[in-house]
Amino acid sequence: MRERIRRIKSLIRHKLAFAKLEKKTLRKNTFRALTHDLDKLLFYVFTPMPIEWIRKRHKLKARHHNPKNKKDLVESMIDYECARMTKPKSTMTAHEYVLIKFKNKPEEIEKCFVILKELGFYDYSKDIKNEEEN
């Protein structure tokens, strides 16, 4: 029960950070800020489902974990960027995360980089060409 309460508090902090970063970058909050990770929160609060099941289900069903359009990608990039502000184990920027997650998918990296540049999260010092040299 303690772990569940800890996760609920952490998730609320993450949702607030997401909404704040979305407002800063898009100059508005969207419906996605309200619904971001809401499924996890509802499952943690109202069901006895195991934590691992909730996490796996969320990653399978959440649009920002399986982006299909630009809005999904924008939500993903904001999520990646604000994760380091609220999750102790997440220290990477959105740019760093994209380089690792899509390491062997250059077309996905390019799609993400377009969004990162639009949002102001693109780190020119970590350009993919520099990563390939290392």
Foldseek 3Di string as FASTA:
>chain_A
DVVLVVVLVLVVVLLVLLQVLCCVQVVHGDVCSVVPCVQLNCCSPPHPDDNVVSVVVCCVPPCLNVPDDDVSLLSVQSSLQCCCVRPVVRPDHSLVVLCVVCVPPVVSNVSSQVSCVSRVNDDPVVPVVVVVVD
